[in-house]
PDB file of N, CA and C in Angstrom:
ATOM      1  N   SER A   1       0.839  -1.180   0.000  1.00  0.00           N
ATOM      2  CA  SER A   1       0.000   0.000   0.000  1.00  0.00           C
ATOM      3  C   SER A   1       0.886   1.246   0.000  1.00  0.00           C
ATOM      4  N   VAL A   2       0.279   2.355  -0.259  1.00  0.00           N
ATOM      5  CA  VAL A   2       1.012   3.623  -0.230  1.00  0.00           C
ATOM      6  C   VAL A   2       1.553   3.872   1.174  1.00  0.00           C
ATOM      7  N   GLN A   3       0.759   3.561   2.191  1.00  0.00           N
ATOM      8  CA  GLN A   3       1.228   3.777   3.554  1.00  0.00           C
ATOM      9  C   GLN A   3       2.425   2.895   3.872  1.00  0.00           C
ATOM     10  N   ASP A   4       2.407   1.638   3.402  1.00  0.00           N
ATOM     11  CA  ASP A   4       3.556   0.748   3.601  1.00  0.00           C
ATOM     12  C   ASP A   4       4.809   1.354   2.977  1.00  0.00           C
ATOM     13  N   ALA A   5       4.663   1.892   1.766  1.00  0.00           N
ATOM     14  CA  ALA A   5       5.797   2.510   1.084  1.00  0.00           C
ATOM     15  C   ALA A   5       6.296   3.725   1.860  1.00  0.00           C
ATOM     16  N   LEU A   6       5.376   4.541   2.369  1.00  0.00           N
ATOM     17  CA  LEU A   6       5.776   5.710   3.144  1.00  0.00           C
ATOM     18  C   LEU A   6       6.479   5.298   4.433  1.00  0.00           C
ATOM     19  N   ASP A   7       6.007   4.215   5.061  1.00  0.00           N
ATOM     20  CA  ASP A   7       6.637   3.730   6.282  1.00  0.00           C
ATOM     21  C   ASP A   7       8.057   3.241   6.019  1.00  0.00           C
ATOM     22  N   LEU A   8       8.306   2.735   4.819  1.00  0.00           N
ATOM     23  CA  LEU A   8       9.618   2.202   4.461  1.00  0.00           C
ATOM     24  C   LEU A   8      10.571   3.233   3.866  1.00  0.00           C
ATOM     25  N   LYS A   9      10.086   4.411   3.544  1.00  0.00           N
ATOM     26  CA  LYS A   9      10.867   5.347   2.735  1.00  0.00           C
ATOM     27  C   LYS A   9      12.246   5.663   3.294  1.00  0.00           C
ATOM     28  N   ASP A  10      12.386   5.714   4.589  1.00  0.00           N
ATOM     29  CA  ASP A  10      13.700   6.012   5.165  1.00  0.00           C
ATOM     30  C   ASP A  10      14.655   4.831   5.039  1.00  0.00           C
ATOM     31  N   ASP A  11      14.122   3.639   4.773  1.00  0.00           N
ATOM     32  CA  ASP A  11      14.940   2.436   4.648  1.00  0.00           C
ATOM     33  C   ASP A  11      15.219   2.064   3.196  1.00  0.00           C
ATOM     34  N   LEU A  12      14.678   2.837   2.245  1.00  0.00           N
ATOM     35  CA  LEU A  12      14.849   2.527   0.826  1.00  0.00           C
ATOM     36  C   LEU A  12      16.005   3.309   0.225  1.00  0.00           C
ATOM     37  N   HIS A  13      16.758   2.637  -0.634  1.00  0.00           N
ATOM     38  CA  HIS A  13      17.875   3.244  -1.349  1.00  0.00           C
ATOM     39  C   HIS A  13      17.643   2.973  -2.831  1.00  0.00           C
ATOM     40  N   VAL A  14      17.896   3.970  -3.650  1.00  0.00           N
ATOM     41  CA  VAL A  14      17.574   3.850  -5.073  1.00  0.00           C
ATOM     42  C   VAL A  14      18.818   3.900  -5.950  1.00  0.00           C
ATOM     43  N   ALA A  15      18.694   3.274  -7.115  1.00  0.00           N
ATOM     44  CA  ALA A  15      19.689   3.380  -8.176  1.00  0.00           C
ATOM     45  C   ALA A  15      19.046   4.209  -9.281  1.00  0.00           C
ATOM     46  N   LYS A  16      19.807   5.149  -9.802  1.00  0.00           N
ATOM     47  CA  LYS A  16      19.271   6.036 -10.838  1.00  0.00           C
ATOM     48  C   LYS A  16      20.168   6.031 -12.064  1.00  0.00           C
ATOM     49  N   ILE A  17      19.537   6.208 -13.197  1.00  0.00           N
ATOM     50  CA  ILE A  17      20.229   6.531 -14.442  1.00  0.00           C
ATOM     51  C   ILE A  17      19.672   7.882 -14.847  1.00  0.00           C
ATOM     52  N   GLY A  18      20.495   8.900 -14.747  1.00  0.00           N
ATOM     53  CA  GLY A  18      19.989  10.256 -14.938  1.00  0.00           C
ATOM     54  C   GLY A  18      19.007  10.569 -13.827  1.00  0.00           C
ATOM     55  N   ILE A  19      17.804  10.975 -14.204  1.00  0.00           N
ATOM     56  CA  ILE A  19      16.782  11.259 -13.191  1.00  0.00           C
ATOM     57  C   ILE A  19      15.823  10.082 -12.991  1.00  0.00           C
ATOM     58  N   ARG A  20      16.017   9.033 -13.774  1.00  0.00           N
ATOM     59  CA  ARG A  20      15.114   7.872 -13.707  1.00  0.00           C
ATOM     60  C   ARG A  20      15.556   6.890 -12.624  1.00  0.00           C
ATOM     61  N   ILE A  21      14.630   6.527 -11.750  1.00  0.00           N
ATOM     62  CA  ILE A  21      14.893   5.483 -10.761  1.00  0.00           C
ATOM     63  C   ILE A  21      14.756   4.138 -11.463  1.00  0.00           C
ATOM     64  N   VAL A  22      15.832   3.341 -11.434  1.00  0.00           N
ATOM     65  CA  VAL A  22      15.831   2.046 -12.136  1.00  0.00           C
ATOM     66  C   VAL A  22      15.917   0.860 -11.184  1.00  0.00           C
ATOM     67  N   GLY A  23      16.169   1.128  -9.900  1.00  0.00           N
ATOM     68  CA  GLY A  23      16.239   0.041  -8.935  1.00  0.00           C
ATOM     69  C   GLY A  23      16.063   0.564  -7.531  1.00  0.00           C
ATOM     70  N   VAL A  24      15.692  -0.347  -6.640  1.00  0.00           N
ATOM     71  CA  VAL A  24      15.474   0.017  -5.248  1.00  0.00           C
ATOM     72  C   VAL A  24      15.808  -1.179  -4.364  1.00  0.00           C
ATOM     73  N   ILE A  25      16.350  -0.880  -3.191  1.00  0.00           N
ATOM     74  CA  ILE A  25      16.583  -1.913  -2.179  1.00  0.00           C
ATOM     75  C   ILE A  25      16.198  -1.343  -0.823  1.00  0.00           C
ATOM     76  N   GLY A  26      15.505  -2.167  -0.057  1.00  0.00           N
ATOM     77  CA  GLY A  26      15.188  -1.811   1.318  1.00  0.00           C
ATOM     78  C   GLY A  26      16.254  -2.383   2.232  1.00  0.00           C
ATOM     79  N   ILE A  27      16.658  -1.599   3.223  1.00  0.00           N
ATOM     80  CA  ILE A  27      17.642  -2.045   4.208  1.00  0.00           C
ATOM     81  C   ILE A  27      17.096  -1.682   5.585  1.00  0.00           C
ATOM     82  N   ILE A  28      16.714  -2.702   6.337  1.00  0.00           N
ATOM     83  CA  ILE A  28      16.198  -2.484   7.681  1.00  0.00           C
ATOM     84  C   ILE A  28      17.272  -2.951   8.661  1.00  0.00           C
ATOM     85  N   ILE A  29      17.768  -2.032   9.459  1.00  0.00           N
ATOM     86  CA  ILE A  29      18.860  -2.335  10.381  1.00  0.00           C
ATOM     87  C   ILE A  29      18.291  -2.921  11.664  1.00  0.00           C
ATOM     88  N   MET A  30      18.783  -4.100  11.993  1.00  0.00           N
ATOM     89  CA  MET A  30      18.398  -4.783  13.226  1.00  0.00           C
ATOM     90  C   MET A  30      19.596  -4.732  14.186  1.00  0.00           C
ATOM     91  N   SER A  31      19.472  -5.342  15.352  1.00  0.00           N
ATOM     92  CA  SER A  31      20.550  -5.260  16.336  1.00  0.00           C
ATOM     93  C   SER A  31      21.821  -5.970  15.879  1.00  0.00           C
ATOM     94  N   ASP A  32      21.689  -7.108  15.190  1.00  0.00           N
ATOM     95  CA  ASP A  32      22.888  -7.866  14.804  1.00  0.00           C
ATOM     96  C   ASP A  32      23.010  -8.092  13.299  1.00  0.00           C
ATOM     97  N   SER A  33      22.117  -7.493  12.514  1.00  0.00           N
ATOM     98  CA  SER A  33      22.166  -7.684  11.059  1.00  0.00           C
ATOM     99  C   SER A  33      21.325  -6.616  10.376  1.00  0.00           C
ATOM    100  N   ALA A  34      21.316  -6.671   9.049  1.00  0.00           N
ATOM    101  CA  ALA A  34      20.435  -5.818   8.252  1.00  0.00           C
ATOM    102  C   ALA A  34      19.593  -6.727   7.378  1.00  0.00           C
ATOM    103  N   ILE A  35      18.297  -6.499   7.382  1.00  0.00           N
ATOM    104  CA  ILE A  35      17.388  -7.277   6.552  1.00  0.00           C
ATOM    105  C   ILE A  35      17.216  -6.530   5.236  1.00  0.00           C
ATOM    106  N   LEU A  36      17.466  -7.237   4.140  1.00  0.00           N
ATOM    107  CA  LEU A  36      17.387  -6.625   2.815  1.00  0.00           C
ATOM    108  C   LEU A  36      16.063  -6.990   2.157  1.00  0.00           C
ATOM    109  N   GLY A  37      15.483  -6.032   1.474  1.00  0.00           N
ATOM    110  CA  GLY A  37      14.270  -6.265   0.713  1.00  0.00           C
ATOM    111  C   GLY A  37      13.247  -5.191   1.016  1.00  0.00           C
ATOM    112  N   PRO A  38      12.481  -4.843   0.053  1.00  0.00           N
ATOM    113  CA  PRO A  38      12.451  -5.439  -1.271  1.00  0.00           C
ATOM    114  C   PRO A  38      13.665  -5.025  -2.109  1.00  0.00           C
ATOM    115  N   LEU A  39      13.965  -5.856  -3.082  1.00  0.00           N
ATOM    116  CA  LEU A  39      14.963  -5.554  -4.105  1.00  0.00           C
ATOM    117  C   LEU A  39      14.228  -5.609  -5.429  1.00  0.00           C
ATOM    118  N   ALA A  40      14.258  -4.522  -6.167  1.00  0.00           N
ATOM    119  CA  ALA A  40      13.555  -4.487  -7.451  1.00  0.00           C
ATOM    120  C   ALA A  40      14.355  -3.668  -8.453  1.00  0.00           C
ATOM    121  N   VAL A  41      14.342  -4.139  -9.698  1.00  0.00           N
ATOM    122  CA  VAL A  41      15.007  -3.448 -10.799  1.00  0.00           C
ATOM    123  C   VAL A  41      14.015  -3.370 -11.953  1.00  0.00           C
ATOM    124  N   SER A  42      13.983  -2.221 -12.626  1.00  0.00           N
ATOM    125  CA  SER A  42      13.096  -2.067 -13.781  1.00  0.00           C
ATOM    126  C   SER A  42      13.349  -3.178 -14.786  1.00  0.00           C
ATOM    127  N   PRO A  43      12.287  -3.773 -15.321  1.00  0.00           N
ATOM    128  CA  PRO A  43      12.455  -4.909 -16.238  1.00  0.00           C
ATOM    129  C   PRO A  43      13.382  -4.637 -17.421  1.00  0.00           C
ATOM    130  N   ASP A  44      13.344  -3.439 -17.979  1.00  0.00           N
ATOM    131  CA  ASP A  44      14.182  -3.141 -19.143  1.00  0.00           C
ATOM    132  C   ASP A  44      15.642  -2.909 -18.777  1.00  0.00           C
ATOM    133  N   ILE A  45      15.954  -2.848 -17.488  1.00  0.00           N
ATOM    134  CA  ILE A  45      17.322  -2.623 -17.039  1.00  0.00           C
ATOM    135  C   ILE A  45      17.914  -3.899 -16.427  1.00  0.00           C
ATOM    136  N   GLN A  46      17.093  -4.915 -16.198  1.00  0.00           N
ATOM    137  CA  GLN A  46      17.582  -6.149 -15.588  1.00  0.00           C
ATOM    138  C   GLN A  46      18.648  -6.790 -16.468  1.00  0.00           C
ATOM    139  N   GLY A  47      19.646  -7.373 -15.821  1.00  0.00           N
ATOM    140  CA  GLY A  47      20.740  -8.014 -16.541  1.00  0.00           C
ATOM    141  C   GLY A  47      21.942  -7.119 -16.761  1.00  0.00           C
ATOM    142  N   TYR A  48      21.867  -5.885 -16.282  1.00  0.00           N
ATOM    143  CA  TYR A  48      22.969  -4.938 -16.446  1.00  0.00           C
ATOM    144  C   TYR A  48      23.726  -4.666 -15.148  1.00  0.00           C
ATOM    145  N   GLY A  49      23.434  -5.425 -14.099  1.00  0.00           N
ATOM    146  CA  GLY A  49      24.183  -5.308 -12.858  1.00  0.00           C
ATOM    147  C   GLY A  49      23.634  -4.344 -11.827  1.00  0.00           C
ATOM    148  N   VAL A  50      22.472  -3.787 -12.074  1.00  0.00           N
ATOM    149  CA  VAL A  50      21.909  -2.825 -11.115  1.00  0.00           C
ATOM    150  C   VAL A  50      21.574  -3.516  -9.794  1.00  0.00           C
ATOM    151  N   GLY A  51      20.917  -4.667  -9.859  1.00  0.00           N
ATOM    152  CA  GLY A  51      20.567  -5.402  -8.639  1.00  0.00           C
ATOM    153  C   GLY A  51      21.805  -5.802  -7.859  1.00  0.00           C
ATOM    154  N   GLY A  52      22.823  -6.277  -8.559  1.00  0.00           N
ATOM    155  CA  GLY A  52      24.080  -6.647  -7.904  1.00  0.00           C
ATOM    156  C   GLY A  52      24.755  -5.458  -7.251  1.00  0.00           C
ATOM    157  N   THR A  53      24.693  -4.313  -7.904  1.00  0.00           N
ATOM    158  CA  THR A  53      25.286  -3.100  -7.344  1.00  0.00           C
ATOM    159  C   THR A  53      24.543  -2.671  -6.087  1.00  0.00           C
ATOM    160  N   LEU A  54      23.209  -2.769  -6.106  1.00  0.00           N
ATOM    161  CA  LEU A  54      22.438  -2.442  -4.911  1.00  0.00           C
ATOM    162  C   LEU A  54      22.782  -3.394  -3.760  1.00  0.00           C
ATOM    163  N   LEU A  55      22.904  -4.674  -4.061  1.00  0.00           N
ATOM    164  CA  LEU A  55      23.295  -5.640  -3.027  1.00  0.00           C
ATOM    165  C   LEU A  55      24.715  -5.371  -2.524  1.00  0.00           C
ATOM    166  N   ASP A  56      25.633  -5.066  -3.442  1.00  0.00           N
ATOM    167  CA  ASP A  56      27.005  -4.727  -3.042  1.00  0.00           C
ATOM    168  C   ASP A  56      26.999  -3.567  -2.050  1.00  0.00           C
ATOM    169  N   PHE A  57      26.194  -2.551  -2.360  1.00  0.00           N
ATOM    170  CA  PHE A  57      26.085  -1.376  -1.498  1.00  0.00           C
ATOM    171  C   PHE A  57      25.620  -1.788  -0.100  1.00  0.00           C
ATOM    172  N   ALA A  58      24.525  -2.533  -0.036  1.00  0.00           N
ATOM    173  CA  ALA A  58      23.970  -2.938   1.263  1.00  0.00           C
ATOM    174  C   ALA A  58      24.943  -3.819   2.032  1.00  0.00           C
ATOM    175  N   GLU A  59      25.557  -4.759   1.351  1.00  0.00           N
ATOM    176  CA  GLU A  59      26.484  -5.682   2.003  1.00  0.00           C
ATOM    177  C   GLU A  59      27.750  -4.980   2.489  1.00  0.00           C
ATOM    178  N   SER A  60      28.152  -3.910   1.812  1.00  0.00           N
ATOM    179  CA  SER A  60      29.357  -3.190   2.223  1.00  0.00           C
ATOM    180  C   SER A  60      29.148  -2.404   3.518  1.00  0.00           C
ATOM    181  N   LEU A  61      27.906  -2.120   3.848  1.00  0.00           N
ATOM    182  CA  LEU A  61      27.595  -1.320   5.034  1.00  0.00           C
ATOM    183  C   LEU A  61      27.334  -2.143   6.287  1.00  0.00           C
ATOM    184  N   HIS A  62      27.075  -3.438   6.117  1.00  0.00           N
ATOM    185  CA  HIS A  62      26.623  -4.254   7.237  1.00  0.00           C
ATOM    186  C   HIS A  62      27.394  -5.566   7.302  1.00  0.00           C
ATOM    187  N   LYS A  63      27.816  -5.915   8.501  1.00  0.00           N
ATOM    188  CA  LYS A  63      28.586  -7.143   8.705  1.00  0.00           C
ATOM    189  C   LYS A  63      27.783  -8.379   8.309  1.00  0.00           C
ATOM    190  N   VAL A  64      26.502  -8.402   8.656  1.00  0.00           N
ATOM    191  CA  VAL A  64      25.626  -9.539   8.352  1.00  0.00           C
ATOM    192  C   VAL A  64      24.369  -9.009   7.673  1.00  0.00           C
ATOM    193  N   THR A  65      23.994  -9.653   6.566  1.00  0.00           N
ATOM    194  CA  THR A  65      22.756  -9.295   5.884  1.00  0.00           C
ATOM    195  C   THR A  65      21.883 -10.536   5.765  1.00  0.00           C
ATOM    196  N   GLU A  66      20.575 -10.304   5.738  1.00  0.00           N
ATOM    197  CA  GLU A  66      19.602 -11.384   5.644  1.00  0.00           C
ATOM    198  C   GLU A  66      18.580 -11.060   4.567  1.00  0.00           C
ATOM    199  N   VAL A  67      18.083 -12.120   3.931  1.00  0.00           N
ATOM    200  CA  VAL A  67      17.018 -11.985   2.944  1.00  0.00           C
ATOM    201  C   VAL A  67      15.999 -13.091   3.171  1.00  0.00           C
ATOM    202  N   GLY A  68      14.769 -12.835   2.749  1.00  0.00           N
ATOM    203  CA  GLY A  68      13.729 -13.852   2.748  1.00  0.00           C
ATOM    204  C   GLY A  68      13.267 -14.062   1.321  1.00  0.00           C
ATOM    205  N   VAL A  69      13.199 -15.323   0.898  1.00  0.00           N
ATOM    206  CA  VAL A  69      12.846 -15.643  -0.486  1.00  0.00           C
ATOM    207  C   VAL A  69      11.741 -16.694  -0.480  1.00  0.00           C
ATOM    208  N   VAL A  70      10.701 -16.472  -1.268  1.00  0.00           N
ATOM    209  CA  VAL A  70       9.637 -17.467  -1.401  1.00  0.00           C
ATOM    210  C   VAL A  70      10.196 -18.652  -2.183  1.00  0.00           C
ATOM    211  N   SER A  71       9.882 -19.850  -1.735  1.00  0.00           N
ATOM    212  CA  SER A  71      10.492 -21.073  -2.269  1.00  0.00           C
ATOM    213  C   SER A  71      10.319 -21.261  -3.772  1.00  0.00           C
ATOM    214  N   CYS A  72       9.268 -20.724  -4.371  1.00  0.00           N
ATOM    215  CA  CYS A  72       9.068 -20.902  -5.819  1.00  0.00           C
ATOM    216  C   CYS A  72      10.016 -20.023  -6.637  1.00  0.00           C
ATOM    217  N   ARG A  73      10.696 -19.078  -6.021  1.00  0.00           N
ATOM    218  CA  ARG A  73      11.609 -18.182  -6.731  1.00  0.00           C
ATOM    219  C   ARG A  73      13.010 -18.779  -6.764  1.00  0.00           C
ATOM    220  N   THR A  74      13.128 -19.907  -7.475  1.00  0.00           N
ATOM    221  CA  THR A  74      14.410 -20.602  -7.555  1.00  0.00           C
ATOM    222  C   THR A  74      15.479 -19.738  -8.212  1.00  0.00           C
ATOM    223  N   ASP A  75      15.074 -18.810  -9.072  1.00  0.00           N
ATOM    224  CA  ASP A  75      16.041 -17.895  -9.682  1.00  0.00           C
ATOM    225  C   ASP A  75      16.698 -17.013  -8.622  1.00  0.00           C
ATOM    226  N   LEU A  76      15.914 -16.536  -7.683  1.00  0.00           N
ATOM    227  CA  LEU A  76      16.465 -15.691  -6.623  1.00  0.00           C
ATOM    228  C   LEU A  76      17.281 -16.508  -5.628  1.00  0.00           C
ATOM    229  N   LEU A  77      16.819 -17.712  -5.319  1.00  0.00           N
ATOM    230  CA  LEU A  77      17.582 -18.568  -4.404  1.00  0.00           C
ATOM    231  C   LEU A  77      18.985 -18.790  -4.941  1.00  0.00           C
ATOM    232  N   GLY A  78      19.094 -19.107  -6.222  1.00  0.00           N
ATOM    233  CA  GLY A  78      20.398 -19.327  -6.842  1.00  0.00           C
ATOM    234  C   GLY A  78      21.265 -18.084  -6.831  1.00  0.00           C
ATOM    235  N   MET A  79      20.658 -16.935  -7.097  1.00  0.00           N
ATOM    236  CA  MET A  79      21.406 -15.682  -7.101  1.00  0.00           C
ATOM    237  C   MET A  79      21.997 -15.406  -5.722  1.00  0.00           C
ATOM    238  N   TYR A  80      21.173 -15.553  -4.686  1.00  0.00           N
ATOM    239  CA  TYR A  80      21.664 -15.293  -3.330  1.00  0.00           C
ATOM    240  C   TYR A  80      22.709 -16.327  -2.911  1.00  0.00           C
ATOM    241  N   GLN A  81      22.519 -17.580  -3.282  1.00  0.00           N
ATOM    242  CA  GLN A  81      23.511 -18.605  -2.958  1.00  0.00           C
ATOM    243  C   GLN A  81      24.856 -18.289  -3.608  1.00  0.00           C
ATOM    244  N   LYS A  82      24.839 -17.844  -4.858  1.00  0.00           N
ATOM    245  CA  LYS A  82      26.086 -17.481  -5.544  1.00  0.00           C
ATOM    246  C   LYS A  82      26.787 -16.311  -4.864  1.00  0.00           C
ATOM    247  N   ARG A  83      26.011 -15.466  -4.193  1.00  0.00           N
ATOM    248  CA  ARG A  83      26.583 -14.323  -3.483  1.00  0.00           C
ATOM    249  C   ARG A  83      27.074 -14.708  -2.089  1.00  0.00           C
ATOM    250  N   GLY A  84      26.871 -15.966  -1.682  1.00  0.00           N
ATOM    251  CA  GLY A  84      27.370 -16.425  -0.393  1.00  0.00           C
ATOM    252  C   GLY A  84      26.338 -16.532   0.711  1.00  0.00           C
ATOM    253  N   TYR A  85      25.063 -16.339   0.388  1.00  0.00           N
ATOM    254  CA  TYR A  85      24.013 -16.472   1.398  1.00  0.00           C
ATOM    255  C   TYR A  85      23.783 -17.944   1.691  1.00  0.00           C
ATOM    256  N   LYS A  86      23.575 -18.247   2.977  1.00  0.00           N
ATOM    257  CA  LYS A  86      23.321 -19.614   3.439  1.00  0.00           C
ATOM    258  C   LYS A  86      21.936 -19.677   4.070  1.00  0.00           C
ATOM    259  N   GLU A  87      21.263 -20.782   3.827  1.00  0.00           N
ATOM    260  CA  GLU A  87      19.930 -20.973   4.390  1.00  0.00           C
ATOM    261  C   GLU A  87      20.008 -21.070   5.910  1.00  0.00           C
ATOM    262  N   GLU A  88      19.187 -20.278   6.593  1.00  0.00           N
ATOM    263  CA  GLU A  88      19.129 -20.281   8.051  1.00  0.00           C
ATOM    264  C   GLU A  88      17.921 -21.056   8.561  1.00  0.00           C
ATOM    265  N   ARG A  89      16.767 -20.802   7.946  1.00  0.00           N
ATOM    266  CA  ARG A  89      15.551 -21.484   8.370  1.00  0.00           C
ATOM    267  C   ARG A  89      14.509 -21.396   7.265  1.00  0.00           C
ATOM    268  N   VAL A  90      13.519 -22.280   7.356  1.00  0.00           N
ATOM    269  CA  VAL A  90      12.425 -22.327   6.382  1.00  0.00           C
ATOM    270  C   VAL A  90      11.116 -22.372   7.164  1.00  0.00           C
ATOM    271  N   ASN A  91      10.193 -21.484   6.808  1.00  0.00           N
ATOM    272  CA  ASN A  91       8.858 -21.470   7.411  1.00  0.00           C
ATOM    273  C   ASN A  91       7.812 -21.622   6.317  1.00  0.00           C
ATOM    274  N   ARG A  92       6.809 -22.443   6.573  1.00  0.00           N
ATOM    275  CA  ARG A  92       5.704 -22.529   5.618  1.00  0.00           C
ATOM    276  C   ARG A  92       5.017 -21.167   5.566  1.00  0.00           C
ATOM    277  N   LEU A  93       4.649 -20.731   4.356  1.00  0.00           N
ATOM    278  CA  LEU A  93       4.037 -19.410   4.220  1.00  0.00           C
ATOM    279  C   LEU A  93       2.776 -19.281   5.060  1.00  0.00           C
ATOM    280  N   LYS A  94       1.988 -20.342   5.103  1.00  0.00           N
ATOM    281  CA  LYS A  94       0.739 -20.238   5.859  1.00  0.00           C
ATOM    282  C   LYS A  94       0.993 -20.091   7.355  1.00  0.00           C
ATOM    283  N   ASP A  95       2.209 -20.373   7.812  1.00  0.00           N
ATOM    284  CA  ASP A  95       2.555 -20.207   9.218  1.00  0.00           C
ATOM    285  C   ASP A  95       3.236 -18.874   9.518  1.00  0.00           C
ATOM    286  N   GLU A  96       3.496 -18.090   8.486  1.00  0.00           N
ATOM    287  CA  GLU A  96       4.223 -16.827   8.669  1.00  0.00           C
ATOM    288  C   GLU A  96       3.423 -15.812   9.478  1.00  0.00           C
ATOM    289  N   GLY A  97       2.110 -15.800   9.295  1.00  0.00           N
ATOM    290  CA  GLY A  97       1.273 -14.899  10.070  1.00  0.00           C
ATOM    291  C   GLY A  97       1.360 -13.436   9.683  1.00  0.00           C
ATOM    292  N   THR A  98       1.835 -13.148   8.476  1.00  0.00           N
ATOM    293  CA  THR A  98       1.884 -11.755   8.035  1.00  0.00           C
ATOM    294  C   THR A  98       0.767 -11.497   7.040  1.00  0.00           C
ATOM    295  N   GLU A  99       0.120 -10.370   7.194  1.00  0.00           N
ATOM    296  CA  GLU A  99      -1.032 -10.019   6.377  1.00  0.00           C
ATOM    297  C   GLU A  99      -0.707  -9.980   4.890  1.00  0.00           C
ATOM    298  N   GLU A 100       0.487  -9.528   4.546  1.00  0.00           N
ATOM    299  CA  GLU A 100       0.846  -9.387   3.137  1.00  0.00           C
ATOM    300  C   GLU A 100       0.930 -10.730   2.408  1.00  0.00           C
ATOM    301  N   LEU A 101       1.039 -11.833   3.140  1.00  0.00           N
ATOM    302  CA  LEU A 101       1.117 -13.151   2.510  1.00  0.00           C
ATOM    303  C   LEU A 101      -0.232 -13.852   2.450  1.00  0.00           C
ATOM    304  N   ASN A 102      -1.268 -13.258   3.023  1.00  0.00           N
ATOM    305  CA  ASN A 102      -2.587 -13.889   3.050  1.00  0.00           C
ATOM    306  C   ASN A 102      -3.210 -14.057   1.672  1.00  0.00           C
ATOM    307  N   TRP A 103      -2.815 -13.270   0.709  1.00  0.00           N
ATOM    308  CA  TRP A 103      -3.407 -13.338  -0.629  1.00  0.00           C
ATOM    309  C   TRP A 103      -2.866 -14.495  -1.449  1.00  0.00           C
ATOM    310  N   ILE A 104      -1.809 -15.136  -1.017  1.00  0.00           N
ATOM    311  CA  ILE A 104      -1.209 -16.235  -1.774  1.00  0.00           C
ATOM    312  C   ILE A 104      -2.085 -17.472  -1.655  1.00  0.00           C
ATOM    313  N   THR A 105      -2.493 -18.000  -2.808  1.00  0.00           N
ATOM    314  CA  THR A 105      -3.384 -19.158  -2.808  1.00  0.00           C
ATOM    315  C   THR A 105      -2.657 -20.447  -3.159  1.00  0.00           C
ATOM    316  N   ARG A 106      -1.462 -20.359  -3.653  1.00  0.00           N
ATOM    317  CA  ARG A 106      -0.703 -21.550  -4.015  1.00  0.00           C
ATOM    318  C   ARG A 106      -0.292 -22.315  -2.766  1.00  0.00           C
ATOM    319  N   GLU A 107      -0.527 -23.603  -2.777  1.00  0.00           N
ATOM    320  CA  GLU A 107      -0.219 -24.445  -1.618  1.00  0.00           C
ATOM    321  C   GLU A 107       1.244 -24.881  -1.611  1.00  0.00           C
ATOM    322  N   GLY A 108       1.752 -25.158  -0.435  1.00  0.00           N
ATOM    323  CA  GLY A 108       3.065 -25.766  -0.285  1.00  0.00           C
ATOM    324  C   GLY A 108       4.252 -24.834  -0.374  1.00  0.00           C
ATOM    325  N   LEU A 109       4.017 -23.527  -0.416  1.00  0.00           N
ATOM    326  CA  LEU A 109       5.136 -22.590  -0.505  1.00  0.00           C
ATOM    327  C   LEU A 109       5.722 -22.319   0.869  1.00  0.00           C
ATOM    328  N   ALA A 110       6.984 -21.971   0.877  1.00  0.00           N
ATOM    329  CA  ALA A 110       7.680 -21.655   2.122  1.00  0.00           C
ATOM    330  C   ALA A 110       8.491 -20.381   1.936  1.00  0.00           C
ATOM    331  N   MET A 111       8.789 -19.740   3.051  1.00  0.00           N
ATOM    332  CA  MET A 111       9.697 -18.602   3.053  1.00  0.00           C
ATOM    333  C   MET A 111      11.046 -19.129   3.523  1.00  0.00           C
ATOM    334  N   ILE A 112      12.048 -18.911   2.696  1.00  0.00           N
ATOM    335  CA  ILE A 112      13.403 -19.369   3.006  1.00  0.00           C
ATOM    336  C   ILE A 112      14.210 -18.152   3.446  1.00  0.00           C
ATOM    337  N   TYR A 113      14.699 -18.206   4.667  1.00  0.00           N
ATOM    338  CA  TYR A 113      15.495 -17.110   5.209  1.00  0.00           C
ATOM    339  C   TYR A 113      16.962 -17.456   5.058  1.00  0.00           C
ATOM    340  N   MET A 114      17.710 -16.507   4.479  1.00  0.00           N
ATOM    341  CA  MET A 114      19.120 -16.725   4.194  1.00  0.00           C
ATOM    342  C   MET A 114      19.939 -15.610   4.838  1.00  0.00           C
ATOM    343  N   ARG A 115      21.173 -15.943   5.166  1.00  0.00           N
ATOM    344  CA  ARG A 115      22.045 -14.998   5.876  1.00  0.00           C
ATOM    345  C   ARG A 115      23.440 -15.049   5.263  1.00  0.00           C
ATOM    346  N   LYS A 116      24.094 -13.890   5.269  1.00  0.00           N
ATOM    347  CA  LYS A 116      25.455 -13.806   4.753  1.00  0.00           C
ATOM    348  C   LYS A 116      26.313 -12.973   5.700  1.00  0.00           C
ATOM    349  N   HIS A 117      27.506 -13.485   5.985  1.00  0.00           N
ATOM    350  CA  HIS A 117      28.507 -12.727   6.747  1.00  0.00           C
ATOM    351  C   HIS A 117      29.388 -12.033   5.716  1.00  0.00           C
ATOM    352  N   ASN A 118      29.340 -10.722   5.679  1.00  0.00           N
ATOM    353  CA  ASN A 118      29.977  -9.949   4.614  1.00  0.00           C
ATOM    354  C   ASN A 118      31.431  -9.601   4.880  1.00  0.00           C
ATOM    355  N   TRP A 119      31.794  -9.400   6.110  1.00  0.00           N
ATOM    356  CA  TRP A 119      33.169  -9.067   6.435  1.00  0.00           C
ATOM    357  C   TRP A 119      33.472  -9.484   7.851  1.00  0.00           C
ATOM    358  N   LYS A 120      34.754  -9.680   8.078  1.00  0.00           N
ATOM    359  CA  LYS A 120      35.216 -10.123   9.402  1.00  0.00           C
ATOM    360  C   LYS A 120      35.642  -8.913  10.217  1.00  0.00           C
ATOM    361  N   GLU A 121      35.574  -9.086  11.513  1.00  0.00           N
ATOM    362  CA  GLU A 121      36.002  -7.994  12.417  1.00  0.00           C
ATOM    363  C   GLU A 121      37.503  -7.988  12.549  1.00  0.00           C
TER     364      GLU A 121
END
């Protein structure tokens, strides 16, 4: 919703080409990590490294980063695994208890939480 976007605005970082916003990443700072997401890149710009650059930016600022990926998004799972993210836990979507997931009607999906240690102390 618009209100959700406004609530997140201080946590969103954008990638621009000229004045056009072509990508966005949310970074929510927690006590021991940063939760990343949403990550989105304009469809006509995908494949040019914008998403990777946004992730590089977020990972460079935080010792530990975390992402949540829906199990059917095998493309994203592979991308995060290649970047060094490791699976931490898996929850069935119907057990997540978040309102934003209530609209999903597909059965058997899970949320896969992944974590990456970006740099050593």
